[in-house]
Amino acid sequence: MTTVAFIGLGAMGAPMVGHLIRAGHTVRAFVRRPEAADAARQLGAEPFFTPAEAARGAAVVFTNVTSSEDVRDVLLGQQGVIEGAAPGTICVDHSTISPIVTREIAQALAARGIEALDCPVSGGTIGAQAGTLTIMVGGKAENLEKVRPLLECVGKTITHIGDHGAGQVAKLCNQIAQVVNIEGIAEAMRFAGAQGVDTGKVFQALSTGFAGSRMLDLLGPKMVSRDFSAGIESRLHAKDFGLAADIAGEIGLDLPAMRATAAQLGELMDQGWGKDDTSSLLKVLELKKQ
């Protein structure tokens, strides 16, 4: 059994911690507030109020936070993991962040003898709760093998993509394919609804043909029933698209479908729907009446 630290006990992180604890591992959790400490204890984790404290004595440190700067702060900042982790510790980052920042962080940790793996995940809160996440890994293959038993507690499919940052590149590819698909579903539902056709029946027909997809299965019913409560908050997809767009711009890559979908996500954010599900792209289309 392994002693690990976990930073980021949100909607994804909390169930992941639960899986690790049920597998018999000891979890030292970073928390910011007393009420969060109580929640960590209820999961079976021991709470600490700085990342450095959480990392002391942990063989592996997991992070699952929002932005590139959040990851940099908890790993490299004042009272960050780098100040508490011993040489040989492996930092596993499940966040979706910039591949460029990922490589910078890995280099800074390596200077202190600390290893790094970027391990962004796909599957959302449902996958986190079920322990069936897809995990895309960047970093040294030998370090992946050391932590694979831990990753298998939270994920079903674990793929080594390449060196540092490669996992993040794969995750952004996942987001491009996923959200462009969601936009396509929204446009199909808008097209059907605008002509007075039953969108529920259209969904049933599409789901068994070549248009069928996991996104259609998950978000098609939400659009039909107009249930825009968040499975994955659209602001997170907008954040990821921003990362992908920045990198595409830097390397002079034109991705027209991604560009068009990014504009729709931007409109969704402007409407204040960032905490709603990404199926809300349908509502963006409906703003433009015939």
Protein backbone atom coordinates (compact mmCIF):
# COMPACT_ATOMS: atom_id res chain seq x y z
CA MET A 1 0.00 0.00 0.00
CA THR A 2 1.19 3.50 -0.84
CA THR A 3 1.02 6.84 0.94
CA VAL A 4 -0.06 9.50 -1.56
CA ALA A 5 -0.92 13.19 -1.47
CA PHE A 6 -3.92 14.57 -3.36
CA ILE A 7 -4.47 18.21 -4.27
CA GLY A 8 -7.87 19.15 -5.68
CA LEU A 9 -10.80 17.47 -3.94
CA GLY A 10 -13.48 18.80 -6.27
CA ALA A 11 -16.19 17.03 -8.24
CA MET A 12 -13.55 14.85 -9.92
CA GLY A 13 -10.94 14.65 -7.19
CA ALA A 14 -13.15 13.58 -4.30
CA PRO A 15 -14.38 10.32 -5.90
CA MET A 16 -10.85 9.59 -7.11
CA VAL A 17 -9.61 9.90 -3.51
CA GLY A 18 -12.41 7.56 -2.45
CA HIS A 19 -11.24 4.90 -4.90
CA LEU A 20 -7.63 5.18 -3.68
CA ILE A 21 -8.69 4.84 -0.04
CA ARG A 22 -10.95 1.87 -0.73
CA ALA A 23 -7.99 0.19 -2.43
CA GLY A 24 -6.10 0.50 0.86
CA HIS A 25 -3.86 3.48 0.13
CA THR A 26 -3.24 6.29 2.61
CA VAL A 27 -4.20 9.75 1.31
CA ARG A 28 -2.85 13.06 2.61
CA ALA A 29 -5.14 15.76 1.18
CA PHE A 30 -4.42 19.46 0.70
CA VAL A 31 -7.37 21.61 1.76
CA ARG A 32 -7.84 25.37 2.05
CA ARG A 33 -10.73 25.67 4.52
CA PRO A 34 -11.85 23.96 7.76
CA GLU A 35 -15.05 22.69 6.13
CA ALA A 36 -12.96 21.15 3.36
CA ALA A 37 -10.88 19.44 6.03
CA ASP A 38 -14.05 17.87 7.44
CA ALA A 39 -15.02 16.66 3.97
CA ALA A 40 -11.56 15.13 3.51
CA ARG A 41 -11.85 13.30 6.82
CA GLN A 42 -15.25 11.95 5.80
CA LEU A 43 -13.61 10.46 2.72
CA GLY A 44 -10.97 8.86 4.93
CA ALA A 45 -8.13 11.22 4.01
CA GLU A 46 -5.91 13.20 6.39
CA PRO A 47 -6.17 16.96 5.68
CA PHE A 48 -3.25 19.41 5.51
CA PHE A 49 -3.35 23.14 4.89
CA THR A 50 -0.38 23.52 2.53
CA PRO A 51 0.67 21.41 -0.47
CA ALA A 52 4.14 21.06 1.10
CA GLU A 53 2.69 19.47 4.24
CA ALA A 54 0.48 17.13 2.23
CA ALA A 55 3.48 16.02 0.14
CA ARG A 56 5.74 15.15 3.08
CA GLY A 57 6.09 11.39 3.33
CA ALA A 58 4.06 10.76 0.15
CA ALA A 59 5.57 8.59 -2.58
CA VAL A 60 3.18 10.00 -5.19
CA VAL A 61 1.49 13.41 -5.35
CA PHE A 62 -1.71 13.79 -7.39
CA THR A 63 -2.98 17.17 -8.58
CA ASN A 64 -6.37 17.84 -10.15
CA VAL A 65 -6.95 21.59 -10.32
CA THR A 66 -8.23 24.02 -12.95
CA SER A 67 -5.59 26.09 -14.71
CA SER A 68 -1.93 26.03 -15.71
CA GLU A 69 -1.14 28.64 -13.08
CA ASP A 70 -3.02 26.67 -10.41
CA VAL A 71 -0.81 23.65 -11.11
CA ARG A 72 2.34 25.80 -11.13
CA ASP A 73 1.32 27.37 -7.82
CA VAL A 74 0.55 24.18 -5.89
CA LEU A 75 3.64 22.39 -7.19
CA LEU A 76 6.27 25.14 -7.39
CA GLY A 77 4.90 28.09 -5.39
CA GLN A 78 5.47 29.15 -1.80
CA GLN A 79 4.67 26.17 0.45
CA GLY A 80 4.22 24.16 -2.73
CA VAL A 81 4.84 20.45 -3.20
CA ILE A 82 8.44 21.10 -4.22
CA GLU A 83 9.14 22.30 -0.66
CA GLY A 84 7.83 19.14 0.97
CA ALA A 85 8.36 16.27 -1.44
CA ALA A 86 11.46 14.10 -1.17
CA PRO A 87 13.65 13.30 -4.18
CA GLY A 88 12.17 10.37 -6.07
CA THR A 89 8.59 11.46 -5.45
CA ILE A 90 6.41 11.22 -8.57
CA CYS A 91 3.96 14.06 -9.26
CA VAL A 92 0.92 12.97 -11.30
CA ASP A 93 -1.09 15.85 -12.73
CA HIS A 94 -4.66 15.02 -13.75
CA SER A 95 -5.47 18.65 -14.63
CA THR A 96 -5.97 19.79 -18.22
CA ILE A 97 -3.38 22.52 -18.77
CA SER A 98 -0.91 23.87 -21.33
CA PRO A 99 1.62 21.31 -22.61
CA ILE A 100 4.19 24.11 -22.60
CA VAL A 101 3.64 24.85 -18.90
CA THR A 102 3.63 21.11 -18.20
CA ARG A 103 7.13 20.80 -19.65
CA GLU A 104 8.34 23.82 -17.66
CA ILE A 105 6.98 22.34 -14.42
CA ALA A 106 8.53 18.95 -15.14
CA GLN A 107 11.91 20.59 -15.69
CA ALA A 108 11.67 22.57 -12.43
CA LEU A 109 10.71 19.46 -10.45
CA ALA A 110 13.50 17.41 -12.06
CA ALA A 111 16.03 19.96 -10.83
CA ARG A 112 15.02 18.88 -7.30
CA GLY A 113 15.03 15.17 -8.11
CA ILE A 114 11.22 14.95 -8.35
CA GLU A 115 9.62 13.11 -11.27
CA ALA A 116 6.51 14.25 -13.17
CA LEU A 117 3.78 12.68 -15.28
CA ASP A 118 1.04 14.62 -17.02
CA CYS A 119 -2.04 12.40 -16.80
CA PRO A 120 -5.14 14.35 -17.91
CA VAL A 121 -8.35 12.37 -17.89
CA SER A 122 -11.53 12.00 -19.90
CA GLY A 123 -14.83 10.69 -18.64
CA GLY A 124 -16.12 13.52 -16.47
CA THR A 125 -17.64 13.16 -13.03
CA ILE A 126 -19.46 9.99 -14.09
CA GLY A 127 -16.16 8.35 -15.00
CA ALA A 128 -14.50 9.61 -11.83
CA GLN A 129 -17.29 8.17 -9.68
CA ALA A 130 -17.24 4.84 -11.51
CA GLY A 131 -13.44 4.59 -11.61
CA THR A 132 -13.52 4.23 -15.40
CA LEU A 133 -11.62 7.33 -16.53
CA THR A 134 -9.52 7.36 -19.67
CA ILE A 135 -6.01 8.54 -18.75
CA MET A 136 -3.55 10.00 -21.28
CA VAL A 137 0.03 9.97 -20.01
CA GLY A 138 3.08 12.08 -20.81
CA GLY A 139 6.47 11.45 -19.19
CA LYS A 140 8.86 8.57 -18.64
CA ALA A 141 7.41 5.12 -19.30
CA GLU A 142 9.19 3.68 -16.26
CA ASN A 143 7.51 6.21 -13.98
CA LEU A 144 4.12 5.31 -15.45
CA GLU A 145 4.74 1.66 -14.57
CA LYS A 146 5.56 2.66 -10.98
CA VAL A 147 2.24 4.45 -10.53
CA ARG A 148 0.10 2.25 -12.80
CA PRO A 149 -1.47 0.34 -9.86
CA LEU A 150 -2.62 3.69 -8.44
CA LEU A 151 -3.96 4.90 -11.79
CA GLU A 152 -5.87 1.65 -12.18
CA CYS A 153 -7.82 2.58 -9.05
CA VAL A 154 -9.37 5.53 -10.90
CA GLY A 155 -9.10 4.70 -14.60
CA LYS A 156 -10.00 1.92 -16.99
CA THR A 157 -7.88 2.86 -20.02
CA ILE A 158 -4.32 4.14 -19.50
CA THR A 159 -2.29 5.09 -22.58
CA HIS A 160 1.31 6.29 -22.61
CA ILE A 161 1.38 8.97 -25.32
CA GLY A 162 4.99 10.15 -25.14
CA ASP A 163 7.32 12.51 -23.29
CA HIS A 164 6.33 15.35 -20.94
CA GLY A 165 3.41 17.34 -22.35
CA ALA A 166 2.26 14.60 -24.71
CA GLY A 167 -0.57 13.63 -22.38
CA GLN A 168 -1.81 17.20 -22.40
CA VAL A 169 -1.64 17.34 -26.20
CA ALA A 170 -3.76 14.18 -26.38
CA LYS A 171 -6.29 15.65 -23.94
CA LEU A 172 -6.65 18.81 -26.02
CA CYS A 173 -7.17 16.60 -29.09
CA ASN A 174 -9.89 14.85 -27.10
CA GLN A 175 -11.52 18.18 -26.29
CA ILE A 176 -11.42 19.40 -29.89
CA ALA A 177 -13.08 16.22 -31.19
CA GLN A 178 -15.57 16.13 -28.32
CA VAL A 179 -16.82 19.71 -28.35
CA VAL A 180 -16.94 20.06 -32.13
CA ASN A 181 -19.16 16.97 -31.94
CA ILE A 182 -21.37 18.62 -29.30
CA GLU A 183 -21.73 21.68 -31.55
CA GLY A 184 -22.75 19.40 -34.40
CA ILE A 185 -25.39 17.73 -32.23
CA ALA A 186 -26.71 21.13 -31.15
CA GLU A 187 -26.96 22.26 -34.77
CA ALA A 188 -28.79 19.06 -35.71
CA MET A 189 -31.30 19.53 -32.88
CA ARG A 190 -31.74 23.20 -33.83
CA PHE A 191 -32.29 22.24 -37.50
CA ALA A 192 -34.96 19.69 -36.54
CA GLY A 193 -36.70 21.95 -34.03
CA ALA A 194 -36.81 24.90 -36.41
CA GLN A 195 -38.83 22.78 -38.82
CA GLY A 196 -41.28 21.53 -36.22
CA VAL A 197 -39.92 17.99 -36.20
CA ASP A 198 -39.88 15.97 -32.95
CA THR A 199 -36.29 16.23 -31.73
CA GLY A 200 -36.71 13.17 -29.52
CA LYS A 201 -37.52 11.01 -32.51
CA VAL A 202 -34.67 12.57 -34.50
CA PHE A 203 -32.32 11.67 -31.64
CA GLN A 204 -33.56 8.07 -31.64
CA ALA A 205 -32.95 7.79 -35.37
CA LEU A 206 -29.48 9.36 -35.24
CA SER A 207 -28.28 7.32 -32.28
CA THR A 208 -28.46 4.01 -34.19
CA GLY A 209 -26.87 5.29 -37.42
CA PHE A 210 -23.45 6.57 -38.43
CA ALA A 211 -24.14 9.84 -36.54
CA GLY A 212 -24.19 7.90 -33.28
CA SER A 213 -21.50 8.79 -30.73
CA ARG A 214 -20.89 8.85 -27.00
CA MET A 215 -21.55 12.58 -26.99
CA LEU A 216 -24.85 12.08 -28.79
CA ASP A 217 -25.83 9.41 -26.25
CA LEU A 218 -24.95 11.69 -23.31
CA LEU A 219 -25.98 15.13 -24.51
CA GLY A 220 -28.66 14.41 -27.09
CA PRO A 221 -31.24 13.54 -24.40
CA LYS A 222 -30.26 16.66 -22.43
CA MET A 223 -30.92 18.84 -25.46
CA VAL A 224 -34.22 17.07 -26.20
CA SER A 225 -35.43 17.49 -22.60
CA ARG A 226 -33.78 20.91 -22.26
CA ASP A 227 -31.94 19.80 -19.14
CA PHE A 228 -28.88 22.05 -19.13
CA SER A 229 -27.69 21.18 -15.60
CA ALA A 230 -23.98 20.55 -15.70
CA GLY A 231 -22.43 17.18 -16.29
CA ILE A 232 -19.28 19.03 -17.30
CA GLU A 233 -19.46 22.80 -16.88
CA SER A 234 -19.11 24.55 -20.23
CA ARG A 235 -16.58 27.01 -18.76
CA LEU A 236 -14.10 24.13 -18.51
CA HIS A 237 -14.53 23.27 -22.18
CA ALA A 238 -14.12 26.97 -23.00
CA LYS A 239 -10.89 27.04 -20.97
CA ASP A 240 -9.54 23.99 -22.79
CA PHE A 241 -10.49 25.40 -26.20
CA GLY A 242 -8.65 28.59 -25.27
CA LEU A 243 -5.50 26.55 -24.60
CA ALA A 244 -5.83 24.68 -27.89
CA ALA A 245 -6.52 27.89 -29.86
CA ASP A 246 -3.46 29.60 -28.35
CA ILE A 247 -1.19 26.71 -29.30
CA ALA A 248 -2.68 26.44 -32.80
CA GLY A 249 -2.05 30.16 -33.27
CA GLU A 250 1.55 29.88 -32.09
CA ILE A 251 2.34 27.14 -34.62
CA GLY A 252 0.32 28.70 -37.45
CA LEU A 253 -2.25 25.91 -37.59
CA ASP A 254 -5.70 26.70 -39.01
CA LEU A 255 -8.48 24.53 -37.57
CA PRO A 256 -11.73 26.02 -38.93
CA ALA A 257 -14.20 23.74 -37.11
CA MET A 258 -12.43 24.36 -33.82
CA ARG A 259 -12.40 28.11 -34.52
CA ALA A 260 -16.14 28.19 -35.21
CA THR A 261 -16.93 26.11 -32.12
CA ALA A 262 -14.69 28.32 -30.00
CA ALA A 263 -16.74 31.33 -31.10
CA GLN A 264 -19.93 29.55 -30.00
CA LEU A 265 -18.35 28.73 -26.64
CA GLY A 266 -17.36 32.37 -26.30
CA GLU A 267 -20.97 33.43 -26.87
CA LEU A 268 -22.08 30.87 -24.29
CA MET A 269 -19.69 32.43 -21.75
CA ASP A 270 -20.91 35.93 -22.64
CA GLN A 271 -24.46 34.85 -21.83
CA GLY A 272 -23.38 33.84 -18.32
CA TRP A 273 -24.00 30.13 -18.87
CA GLY A 274 -20.49 29.00 -17.98
CA LYS A 275 -21.66 26.79 -15.11
CA ASP A 276 -24.28 25.09 -17.27
CA ASP A 277 -23.65 21.96 -19.32
CA THR A 278 -21.98 22.29 -22.72
CA SER A 279 -25.26 21.10 -24.24
CA SER A 280 -26.17 24.78 -23.73
CA LEU A 281 -24.57 25.34 -27.14
CA LEU A 282 -28.12 24.66 -28.34
CA LYS A 283 -29.31 27.77 -26.48
CA VAL A 284 -26.62 29.83 -28.22
CA LEU A 285 -28.01 28.76 -31.58
CA GLU A 286 -31.52 29.65 -30.44
CA LEU A 287 -30.43 33.22 -29.69
CA LYS A 288 -30.29 33.75 -33.46
CA LYS A 289 -33.93 33.55 -34.44
CA GLN A 290 -35.01 32.84 -37.99
